[in-house]
C-alpha cells in the first residue's frame, strides 16, 4: 500500500511559514479528496487545507501550535489515489505534487475558489472541489490517544463554530461541546465562548476561594459575588503569562516597527462640530435606500477622506526606495481606502479598492462587507494589499484623538475620535453640539505641513457640512 506525503503549500500569499492551528483529522480516519485536513494560520489569514489524496490518515507530522515552513511534510495518507491532475506516485514525489495542486484555487480562508473549466470529463483540480460547499466524508473518528488530543477537544470538533471562535475557545480553555450556541444557524458565537468562560471562572472562585488569582481572559475577582473572599497570593508561576508573537500579531508588529523607524511621522489634529454629520446619519438610517445597510458616522468620515485625498493627492502617494540608492514619490490617482480592524487574530487593515468610484450607498455596503469579513477572519491577502490611505476609528473605544502609525506602503492615516456632545460656540452663543477630533499622521518625506493641514481641514469641513458630498 503506497503512502502519500502532503507538504505545507504556499496558499498563494508568497509567505514562507504557517502555524498549525487545528487538525481536523486523526490517524486512522478515512478521507476523500477535498476533505479538510487542517486549519493553518499565516501572517495574514486563516486557511483550511483540503486533502489532495483519498485514503487513510497515517501520521500527523506537525503538532498543533507549531510553526511550519512551506514545503515541509505535515501529514501522510496511506492508500487511495490523488485527485485528477495530481500525480499518483508515493512518498516525496507525491508530496511535491500535492504541494503544487493544493495551493491552487484556495481563498484566504481555505474555501474553494471558482474553478476553471475542466479539460476533460471528470477532471477535478485539488483545492477546487466539485462545486458547492465541500462536505466531510470521513468515517466516524476512532479513539485519539495516538493523536495526543484530549477528549474535550475531540468532543468539540462536531460543534458548529467559526475558526476565530474555535481559537478563542482554545485560548480560554473552553470546551466548545459544553457551550450553549446562540447563533442563528445553531453555531457557537464569540459571545457564547466569553460568557461560558466567565461563568466557569465564577464557579471556580466559589468552589475554591483559595485558588490562584485569575489570569487574563478570566473574570476579575472584583466581579465575583460579594460573599467570595479574595484569593490568596498565587504561586510565582501563575503571576505572569507568556503570549507567543506569531501570525497576524507578528506581521503587524514588524510592519509597525518598520514604519515607525523608516517614515518620519508628523501628526496634526483639529476639533470639529459634527452635528450635521450625526443628523445626516440619522436621516440615512431612516431612508428606504439604506434600509438593509448599516450606517454609521464612519461612512461620512470615509467619504470625506476620499474627497480630501483627491484634492491633496500626496496623502495617498508612496515613497519608493530604488535598488540603485535613489528614491521617488509615486503619486496614485486613485483611493484604495484602508480601514483598520481589530479582530480576534490581531489588527488587520483591509482596503476598499477604487473607493473614489463608489456612490454613498455602494461605499456603505463595501464598509459593511469589509467589517464583517474581518471579524469572521476571512479577509483575503489581496484585500490587505495596495492601500493608499487608512482610517482608524479609535472613537469606538471612547478615545478622543491619537497619533496612529502609518500603514507600510502608505503616507497618511486618519484617526477618527469619539463623537460626543460638548459645549460649542455657535453665532456667539454656547450650545450643546456633537463634537469630534480628527487627527492624522503623515510621512514628512512625502507631504509637508501645508499639504497635511489642508487635507485634515478638508476632512473637517465635510464633517461640518456633509451635504456638500451627497450624490
Protein backbone atom coordinates (compact mmCIF):
# COMPACT_ATOMS: atom_id res chain seq x y z
CA UNK A 1 0.00 0.00 0.00
CA UNK A 2 1.52 3.32 -1.08
CA UNK A 3 1.82 6.26 1.30
CA UNK A 4 1.34 9.82 0.12
CA UNK A 5 3.05 12.73 1.91
CA UNK A 6 1.28 16.08 1.94
CA UNK A 7 3.59 19.08 2.30
CA UNK A 8 2.58 22.53 3.51
CA UNK A 9 1.70 24.50 0.36
CA UNK A 10 2.14 28.19 -0.35
CA UNK A 11 -1.51 29.25 -0.26
CA UNK A 12 -0.95 31.97 -2.80
CA UNK A 13 0.30 34.70 -0.44
CA UNK A 14 4.05 34.37 -1.04
CA UNK A 15 4.57 33.56 2.64
CA UNK A 16 7.22 31.21 3.96
CA UNK A 17 5.60 29.68 7.03
CA UNK A 18 2.30 28.99 8.80
CA UNK A 19 1.11 27.81 12.19
CA UNK A 20 -0.79 24.54 12.59
CA UNK A 21 -3.95 25.77 14.34
CA UNK A 22 -6.19 22.69 14.40
CA UNK A 23 -6.10 19.23 12.88
CA UNK A 24 -9.50 18.16 11.52
CA UNK A 25 -8.42 14.52 11.19
CA UNK A 26 -6.63 11.92 13.31
CA UNK A 27 -4.60 8.82 12.48
CA UNK A 28 -6.93 6.10 11.23
CA UNK A 29 -9.53 8.47 9.75
CA UNK A 30 -10.65 7.82 6.18
CA UNK A 31 -10.56 10.88 3.94
CA UNK A 32 -11.63 11.68 0.40
CA UNK A 33 -10.17 14.22 -1.99
CA UNK A 34 -11.02 17.79 -0.84
CA UNK A 35 -11.92 16.80 2.72
CA UNK A 36 -10.47 19.45 5.05
CA UNK A 37 -7.35 18.12 6.76
CA UNK A 38 -6.08 21.02 8.84
CA UNK A 39 -6.61 24.66 9.66
CA UNK A 40 -3.48 26.80 9.43
CA UNK A 41 -2.79 30.44 10.25
CA UNK A 42 -0.47 32.54 8.13
CA UNK A 43 0.60 36.08 8.87
CA UNK A 44 -2.49 37.28 7.02
CA UNK A 45 -5.31 34.77 7.22
CA UNK A 46 -6.78 31.51 8.47
CA UNK A 47 -6.77 28.79 5.82
CA UNK A 48 -8.40 25.35 5.67
CA UNK A 49 -6.29 22.94 3.62
CA UNK A 50 -8.18 20.27 1.64
CA UNK A 51 -6.75 16.83 1.04
CA UNK A 52 -5.21 16.15 -2.38
CA UNK A 53 -5.48 12.40 -1.71
CA UNK A 54 -8.08 9.81 -0.75
CA UNK A 55 -7.12 7.16 1.76
CA UNK A 56 -6.43 6.57 5.45
CA UNK A 57 -4.66 9.14 7.59
CA UNK A 58 -1.31 7.79 8.68
CA UNK A 59 0.79 10.19 10.76
CA UNK A 60 0.35 13.84 11.74
CA UNK A 61 3.87 15.19 11.27
CA UNK A 62 3.35 18.63 12.82
CA UNK A 63 1.58 19.15 16.18
CA UNK A 64 -0.92 21.95 16.76
CA UNK A 65 0.77 25.19 17.72
CA UNK A 66 3.93 24.51 15.72
CA UNK A 67 5.10 26.93 13.02
CA UNK A 68 5.97 25.02 9.84
CA UNK A 69 7.86 26.23 6.79
CA UNK A 70 6.32 25.97 3.32
CA UNK A 71 7.27 22.65 1.73
CA UNK A 72 7.68 20.78 4.99
CA UNK A 73 5.74 17.47 5.30
CA UNK A 74 2.75 17.74 7.62
CA UNK A 75 0.71 14.55 7.14
CA UNK A 76 0.84 11.13 5.48
CA UNK A 77 -2.10 9.38 3.84
CA UNK A 78 -1.95 5.67 3.05
CA UNK A 79 -3.66 4.00 0.09
CA UNK A 80 -6.12 5.58 -2.28
CA UNK A 81 -5.38 7.86 -5.19
CA UNK A 82 -4.83 11.56 -5.65
CA UNK A 83 -7.19 13.92 -7.41
CA UNK A 84 -7.31 14.07 -11.15
CA UNK A 85 -4.48 16.27 -12.27
CA UNK A 86 -2.17 15.24 -9.40
CA UNK A 87 0.49 12.61 -9.67
CA UNK A 88 -0.18 9.22 -8.17
CA UNK A 89 3.37 8.44 -7.10
CA UNK A 90 4.21 7.71 -3.49
CA UNK A 91 6.41 9.39 -0.94
CA UNK A 92 8.06 12.74 -1.53
CA UNK A 93 7.24 12.79 -5.23
CA UNK A 94 3.56 12.64 -4.42
CA UNK A 95 4.08 15.20 -1.70
CA UNK A 96 5.59 17.59 -4.22
CA UNK A 97 2.58 17.19 -6.48
CA UNK A 98 0.30 17.70 -3.52
CA UNK A 99 2.08 20.88 -2.61
CA UNK A 100 1.61 22.25 -6.09
CA UNK A 101 -2.01 21.19 -6.54
CA UNK A 102 -3.30 22.07 -3.08
CA UNK A 103 -2.09 25.64 -3.34
CA UNK A 104 -4.26 26.32 -6.39
CA UNK A 105 -7.68 27.84 -6.04
CA UNK A 106 -7.74 28.44 -2.29
CA UNK A 107 -9.30 31.60 -0.96
CA UNK A 108 -7.77 33.34 2.06
CA UNK A 109 -9.92 31.23 4.35
CA UNK A 110 -9.27 27.99 2.50
CA UNK A 111 -12.64 28.00 0.78
CA UNK A 112 -12.66 26.70 -2.79
CA UNK A 113 -12.47 29.41 -5.41
CA UNK A 114 -14.49 29.27 -8.60
CA UNK A 115 -12.93 26.53 -10.72
CA UNK A 116 -11.84 26.87 -14.32
CA UNK A 117 -13.48 24.74 -16.95
CA UNK A 118 -12.07 21.17 -16.75
CA UNK A 119 -10.10 19.95 -19.69
CA UNK A 120 -11.69 16.54 -19.67
CA UNK A 121 -14.74 14.86 -18.25
CA UNK A 122 -14.40 14.18 -14.55
CA UNK A 123 -11.26 16.31 -14.10
CA UNK A 124 -11.13 17.95 -10.70
CA UNK A 125 -8.29 20.17 -9.54
CA UNK A 126 -7.33 19.72 -5.92
CA UNK A 127 -8.38 22.73 -3.91
CA UNK A 128 -11.38 23.49 -6.11
CA UNK A 129 -13.71 20.67 -5.14
CA UNK A 130 -16.60 19.51 -7.26
CA UNK A 131 -18.74 22.61 -6.76
CA UNK A 132 -20.62 23.95 -3.77
CA UNK A 133 -19.55 23.50 -0.18
CA UNK A 134 -17.14 20.67 0.47
CA UNK A 135 -18.84 18.19 2.74
CA UNK A 136 -16.83 15.94 5.01
CA UNK A 137 -16.99 12.28 4.01
CA UNK A 138 -14.77 10.88 6.73
CA UNK A 139 -15.73 7.80 8.66
CA UNK A 140 -16.58 8.20 12.36
CA UNK A 141 -13.44 9.02 14.31
CA UNK A 142 -11.72 6.36 16.31
CA UNK A 143 -10.11 6.81 19.67
CA UNK A 144 -7.45 9.52 19.51
CA UNK A 145 -4.96 8.51 22.11
CA UNK A 146 -2.34 8.17 19.40
CA UNK A 147 -3.06 11.72 18.23
CA UNK A 148 -2.39 13.10 21.68
CA UNK A 149 -5.60 15.12 21.85
CA UNK A 150 -7.87 15.40 24.86
CA UNK A 151 -11.42 14.08 24.98
CA UNK A 152 -12.69 17.65 25.32
CA UNK A 153 -11.09 18.64 22.04
CA UNK A 154 -12.49 15.57 20.30
CA UNK A 155 -15.98 16.32 21.56
CA UNK A 156 -15.80 19.90 20.32
CA UNK A 157 -14.88 19.00 16.73
CA UNK A 158 -18.52 18.41 15.74
CA UNK A 159 -19.64 21.75 17.14
CA UNK A 160 -20.52 24.42 14.59
CA UNK A 161 -18.20 27.39 15.16
CA UNK A 162 -16.05 29.64 13.01
CA UNK A 163 -12.24 29.32 13.18
CA UNK A 164 -11.72 32.57 15.17
CA UNK A 165 -14.27 31.35 17.72
CA UNK A 166 -12.52 27.99 17.98
CA UNK A 167 -9.18 29.72 18.51
CA UNK A 168 -10.69 31.93 21.24
CA UNK A 169 -12.10 28.83 22.92
CA UNK A 170 -8.67 27.19 22.90
CA UNK A 171 -7.09 30.35 24.33
CA UNK A 172 -9.65 30.46 27.14
CA UNK A 173 -9.58 26.71 27.78
CA UNK A 174 -13.25 26.34 26.87
CA UNK A 175 -14.67 23.03 25.63
CA UNK A 176 -16.97 24.01 22.75
CA UNK A 177 -19.06 20.90 23.31
CA UNK A 178 -20.11 22.37 26.68
CA UNK A 179 -21.11 25.78 25.28
CA UNK A 180 -24.74 26.60 24.53
CA UNK A 181 -24.88 28.05 20.98
CA UNK A 182 -26.90 31.18 20.27
CA UNK A 183 -26.08 31.79 16.60
CA UNK A 184 -28.93 31.93 14.06
CA UNK A 185 -27.74 28.69 12.42
CA UNK A 186 -27.04 26.94 15.72
CA UNK A 187 -23.37 27.94 15.75
CA UNK A 188 -21.34 28.91 18.80
CA UNK A 189 -20.53 32.62 18.75
CA UNK A 190 -17.69 34.60 20.30
CA UNK A 191 -20.06 35.94 22.99
CA UNK A 192 -21.12 32.38 23.83
CA UNK A 193 -17.49 31.41 24.49
CA UNK A 194 -16.72 34.51 26.57
CA UNK A 195 -19.90 34.08 28.64
CA UNK A 196 -19.13 30.41 29.25
CA UNK A 197 -15.58 31.27 30.33
CA UNK A 198 -16.80 33.95 32.75
CA UNK A 199 -19.42 31.65 34.27
CA UNK A 200 -16.85 28.90 34.67
CA UNK A 201 -14.47 31.35 36.36
CA UNK A 202 -17.11 32.47 38.85
CA UNK A 203 -17.91 28.85 39.65
CA UNK A 204 -14.23 28.10 40.27
CA UNK A 205 -13.91 31.10 42.58
CA UNK A 206 -16.93 29.99 44.62
CA UNK A 207 -15.85 26.35 44.79
CA UNK A 208 -12.20 27.07 45.58
CA UNK A 209 -11.81 30.51 47.17
CA UNK A 210 -8.12 29.89 47.80
CA UNK A 211 -7.39 29.28 44.11
CA UNK A 212 -4.68 31.33 42.40
CA UNK A 213 -5.59 34.76 41.12
CA UNK A 214 -7.30 34.66 37.75
CA UNK A 215 -5.25 35.33 34.65
CA UNK A 216 -6.04 37.39 31.61
CA UNK A 217 -9.26 36.34 29.81
CA UNK A 218 -10.96 35.28 33.06
CA UNK A 219 -13.39 37.30 35.14
CA UNK A 220 -11.61 39.53 37.70
CA UNK A 221 -12.01 38.80 41.43
CA UNK A 222 -13.87 42.08 41.86
CA UNK A 223 -16.61 40.70 39.57
CA UNK A 224 -17.23 37.66 41.73
CA UNK A 225 -20.14 37.60 44.25
CA UNK A 226 -19.60 39.80 47.32
CA UNK A 227 -19.57 36.78 49.60
CA UNK A 228 -16.43 35.39 47.97
CA UNK A 229 -13.21 36.46 49.67
CA UNK A 230 -10.17 37.46 47.67
CA UNK A 231 -7.90 34.51 46.85
CA UNK A 232 -4.53 34.10 48.48
CA UNK A 233 -1.34 35.13 46.70
CA UNK A 234 -0.69 32.83 43.72
CA UNK A 235 2.48 30.88 43.15
CA UNK A 236 5.12 32.76 41.19
CA UNK A 237 4.46 30.63 38.12
CA UNK A 238 0.88 31.94 37.83
CA UNK A 239 1.68 35.63 38.20
CA UNK A 240 2.78 36.08 34.60
CA UNK A 241 1.66 34.78 31.25
CA UNK A 242 3.63 34.48 28.03
CA UNK A 243 1.89 35.18 24.73
CA UNK A 244 3.74 33.87 21.66
CA UNK A 245 4.22 36.51 18.97
CA UNK A 246 3.26 34.89 15.69
CA UNK A 247 0.75 35.03 12.87
CA UNK A 248 -1.01 38.36 12.39
CA UNK A 249 0.43 39.84 15.59
CA UNK A 250 3.98 39.08 14.43
CA UNK A 251 3.40 40.53 10.97
CA UNK A 252 1.71 43.64 12.40
CA UNK A 253 4.46 44.32 14.94
CA UNK A 254 7.19 44.01 12.30
CA UNK A 255 5.32 46.31 9.93
CA UNK A 256 4.69 48.94 12.61
CA UNK A 257 8.31 48.97 13.75
CA UNK A 258 9.48 49.27 10.16
CA UNK A 259 7.06 52.12 9.52
CA UNK A 260 7.82 54.00 12.75
CA UNK A 261 11.59 53.89 12.21
CA UNK A 262 11.56 54.47 8.45
CA UNK A 263 8.96 57.14 7.81
CA UNK A 264 9.31 60.42 9.77
CA UNK A 265 5.85 60.73 11.32
CA UNK A 266 4.20 64.12 11.83
CA UNK A 267 0.72 64.43 13.36
CA UNK A 268 -1.92 67.16 13.18
CA UNK A 269 -5.46 67.35 14.55
CA UNK A 270 -8.48 69.60 14.85
CA UNK A 271 -11.80 69.64 16.69
CA UNK A 272 -14.91 69.51 14.54
CA UNK A 273 -18.60 70.30 15.02
CA UNK A 274 -20.06 67.06 13.63
CA UNK A 275 -23.69 67.83 14.47
CA UNK A 276 -24.77 67.88 10.82
CA UNK A 277 -22.93 64.59 10.25
CA UNK A 278 -24.96 62.99 13.05
CA UNK A 279 -28.17 64.45 11.57
CA UNK A 280 -27.29 63.01 8.16
CA UNK A 281 -26.54 59.59 9.65
CA UNK A 282 -29.95 59.66 11.33
CA UNK A 283 -31.68 60.52 8.03
CA UNK A 284 -29.80 57.81 6.15
CA UNK A 285 -30.80 55.19 8.72
CA UNK A 286 -34.45 56.15 8.13
CA UNK A 287 -34.08 56.15 4.34
CA UNK A 288 -35.51 53.16 2.41
CA UNK A 289 -32.39 53.23 0.20
CA UNK A 290 -30.24 52.31 3.21
CA UNK A 291 -32.74 50.06 4.99
CA UNK A 292 -30.63 46.93 4.53
CA UNK A 293 -27.23 48.57 5.18
CA UNK A 294 -25.56 49.52 8.44
CA UNK A 295 -24.94 53.26 8.53
CA UNK A 296 -22.59 54.96 10.99
CA UNK A 297 -20.54 58.17 11.15
CA UNK A 298 -17.62 56.16 9.72
CA UNK A 299 -19.42 56.23 6.36
CA UNK A 300 -19.32 60.04 6.27
CA UNK A 301 -15.72 60.10 7.50
CA UNK A 302 -14.75 57.66 4.73
CA UNK A 303 -16.46 59.78 2.11
CA UNK A 304 -14.74 62.89 3.46
CA UNK A 305 -11.30 61.24 3.40
CA UNK A 306 -11.82 60.07 -0.18
CA UNK A 307 -12.83 63.58 -1.28
CA UNK A 308 -9.97 65.25 0.59
CA UNK A 309 -7.42 62.75 -0.75
CA UNK A 310 -8.41 63.60 -4.32
CA UNK A 311 -7.81 67.29 -3.55
CA UNK A 312 -4.40 66.56 -1.96
CA UNK A 313 -3.03 63.56 -3.89
CA UNK A 314 0.25 63.41 -1.96
CA UNK A 315 -1.52 61.98 1.12
CA UNK A 316 -2.11 58.84 -0.95
CA UNK A 317 1.34 58.75 -2.52
CA UNK A 318 4.09 56.24 -1.72
CA UNK A 319 7.79 56.74 -1.02
CA UNK A 320 9.81 54.31 -3.14
CA UNK A 321 13.45 53.40 -2.40
CA UNK A 322 15.09 52.12 -5.57
CA UNK A 323 17.82 49.48 -5.66
CA UNK A 324 20.36 51.96 -7.03
CA UNK A 325 20.02 54.10 -3.92
CA UNK A 326 17.75 56.72 -5.48
CA UNK A 327 14.22 57.41 -4.31
CA UNK A 328 10.97 58.58 -5.86
CA UNK A 329 7.46 59.55 -4.83
CA UNK A 330 4.74 57.58 -6.59
CA UNK A 331 1.52 59.60 -6.80
CA UNK A 332 -1.53 57.35 -7.05
CA UNK A 333 -4.52 59.00 -8.66
CA UNK A 334 -7.00 56.64 -7.03
CA UNK A 335 -8.04 55.82 -3.47
CA UNK A 336 -7.78 52.31 -2.06
CA UNK A 337 -9.27 53.16 1.33
CA UNK A 338 -7.93 51.09 4.23
CA UNK A 339 -9.96 50.56 7.40
CA UNK A 340 -8.04 49.39 10.49
CA UNK A 341 -9.99 46.50 12.02
CA UNK A 342 -9.36 44.95 15.43
CA UNK A 343 -10.07 41.21 15.18
CA UNK A 344 -9.57 38.21 17.49
CA UNK A 345 -6.42 37.42 15.46
CA UNK A 346 -4.96 40.91 15.72
CA UNK A 347 -5.02 44.15 13.74
CA UNK A 348 -5.92 43.89 10.06
CA UNK A 349 -6.09 46.71 7.50
CA UNK A 350 -8.18 45.60 4.54
CA UNK A 351 -8.91 48.23 1.92
CA UNK A 352 -11.70 49.12 -0.47
CA UNK A 353 -10.32 49.24 -3.98
CA UNK A 354 -11.08 52.35 -6.11
CA UNK A 355 -13.27 53.79 -3.38
CA UNK A 356 -13.45 57.08 -5.28
CA UNK A 357 -15.75 55.45 -7.86
CA UNK A 358 -18.38 54.31 -5.33
CA UNK A 359 -21.66 56.02 -4.57
CA UNK A 360 -22.56 56.66 -0.93
CA UNK A 361 -24.71 53.53 -0.84
CA UNK A 362 -22.02 51.43 -2.53
CA UNK A 363 -19.43 52.73 -0.07
CA UNK A 364 -21.72 51.86 2.86
CA UNK A 365 -22.15 48.35 1.51
CA UNK A 366 -18.39 47.96 0.99
CA UNK A 367 -17.65 49.11 4.56
CA UNK A 368 -20.20 46.69 5.97
CA UNK A 369 -18.79 43.77 3.98
CA UNK A 370 -15.21 44.68 4.91
CA UNK A 371 -16.04 44.79 8.62
CA UNK A 372 -17.98 41.51 8.68
CA UNK A 373 -15.31 39.69 6.68
CA UNK A 374 -12.56 40.91 9.02
CA UNK A 375 -14.47 39.86 12.14
CA UNK A 376 -15.02 36.39 10.70
CA UNK A 377 -11.31 36.03 9.94
CA UNK A 378 -11.91 35.69 6.20
CA UNK A 379 -10.07 38.78 4.94
CA UNK A 380 -8.03 37.75 1.91
CA UNK A 381 -4.38 38.80 1.45
CA UNK A 382 -5.35 40.69 -1.71
CA UNK A 383 -7.78 42.83 0.30
CA UNK A 384 -4.92 43.88 2.60
CA UNK A 385 -2.54 44.93 -0.16
CA UNK A 386 -2.31 48.05 -2.29
CA UNK A 387 -3.85 50.52 0.16
CA UNK A 388 -3.26 54.25 -0.38
CA UNK A 389 -4.58 55.79 2.87
CA UNK A 390 -6.10 54.35 6.06
CA UNK A 391 -8.77 55.32 8.59
CA UNK A 392 -8.56 54.07 12.17
CA UNK A 393 -11.77 54.60 14.12
CA UNK A 394 -10.48 54.94 17.68
CA UNK A 395 -13.76 56.59 18.64
CA UNK A 396 -15.38 53.18 19.06
CA UNK A 397 -13.07 52.69 22.06
CA UNK A 398 -14.07 56.04 23.58
CA UNK A 399 -10.82 57.77 22.57
CA UNK A 400 -10.88 61.46 21.59
CA UNK A 401 -7.72 61.55 19.47
CA UNK A 402 -4.49 59.74 18.72
CA UNK A 403 -1.25 59.74 16.76
CA UNK A 404 -1.51 56.49 14.75
CA UNK A 405 1.38 54.81 12.96
CA UNK A 406 1.22 54.87 9.18
CA UNK A 407 0.44 51.59 7.44
CA UNK A 408 3.56 50.48 5.50
CA UNK A 409 3.40 51.44 1.83
CA UNK A 410 1.22 54.47 2.56
CA UNK A 411 1.95 58.06 3.55
CA UNK A 412 -1.08 59.01 5.65
CA UNK A 413 -3.51 57.66 8.23
CA UNK A 414 -6.55 59.41 9.72
CA UNK A 415 -7.78 58.76 13.27
CA UNK A 416 -11.45 59.40 13.98
CA UNK A 417 -12.20 60.19 17.62
CA UNK A 418 -15.40 59.58 19.54
CA UNK A 419 -18.35 61.88 18.81
CA UNK A 420 -19.94 63.30 21.95
CA UNK A 421 -21.97 66.32 22.99
CA UNK A 422 -19.88 69.24 24.23
CA UNK A 423 -20.41 72.97 24.71
CA UNK A 424 -19.62 74.74 21.43
CA UNK A 425 -19.79 78.39 20.45
CA UNK A 426 -22.29 78.96 17.60
CA UNK A 427 -23.00 82.53 16.46
CA UNK A 428 -21.61 83.90 19.70
CA UNK A 429 -23.66 81.56 21.91
CA UNK A 430 -22.60 78.43 23.75
CA UNK A 431 -24.74 75.49 22.63
CA UNK A 432 -24.56 71.71 23.01
CA UNK A 433 -23.16 70.24 19.80
CA UNK A 434 -21.80 66.88 18.67
CA UNK A 435 -18.05 67.37 18.62
CA UNK A 436 -15.23 65.09 17.48
CA UNK A 437 -11.50 65.32 16.86
CA UNK A 438 -9.96 64.40 13.52
CA UNK A 439 -6.24 63.64 13.69
CA UNK A 440 -3.76 62.22 11.26
CA UNK A 441 -0.16 61.07 10.91
CA UNK A 442 1.82 61.64 7.72
CA UNK A 443 5.16 60.74 6.17
CA UNK A 444 7.01 64.04 6.12
CA UNK A 445 9.25 62.79 3.30
CA UNK A 446 6.19 62.79 1.04
CA UNK A 447 3.94 65.56 2.30
CA UNK A 448 4.76 68.74 4.17
CA UNK A 449 2.86 70.70 6.82
CA UNK A 450 0.88 72.73 4.32
CA UNK A 451 -0.43 69.70 2.46
CA UNK A 452 -1.33 67.66 5.52
CA UNK A 453 -3.04 70.62 7.17
CA UNK A 454 -5.11 71.28 4.05
CA UNK A 455 -6.10 67.63 3.94
CA UNK A 456 -7.26 67.46 7.57
CA UNK A 457 -9.07 70.80 7.14
CA UNK A 458 -10.91 69.36 4.11
CA UNK A 459 -11.99 66.29 6.09
CA UNK A 460 -13.20 68.54 8.91
CA UNK A 461 -15.16 70.77 6.52
CA UNK A 462 -17.11 67.80 5.18
CA UNK A 463 -17.94 66.55 8.67
CA UNK A 464 -19.25 70.04 9.46
CA UNK A 465 -21.33 70.17 6.26
CA UNK A 466 -21.61 66.65 4.75
CA UNK A 467 -24.43 67.63 2.40
CA UNK A 468 -21.76 69.02 0.07
CA UNK A 469 -20.81 65.47 -0.91
CA UNK A 470 -24.20 63.85 -1.40
CA UNK A 471 -24.76 62.16 -4.78
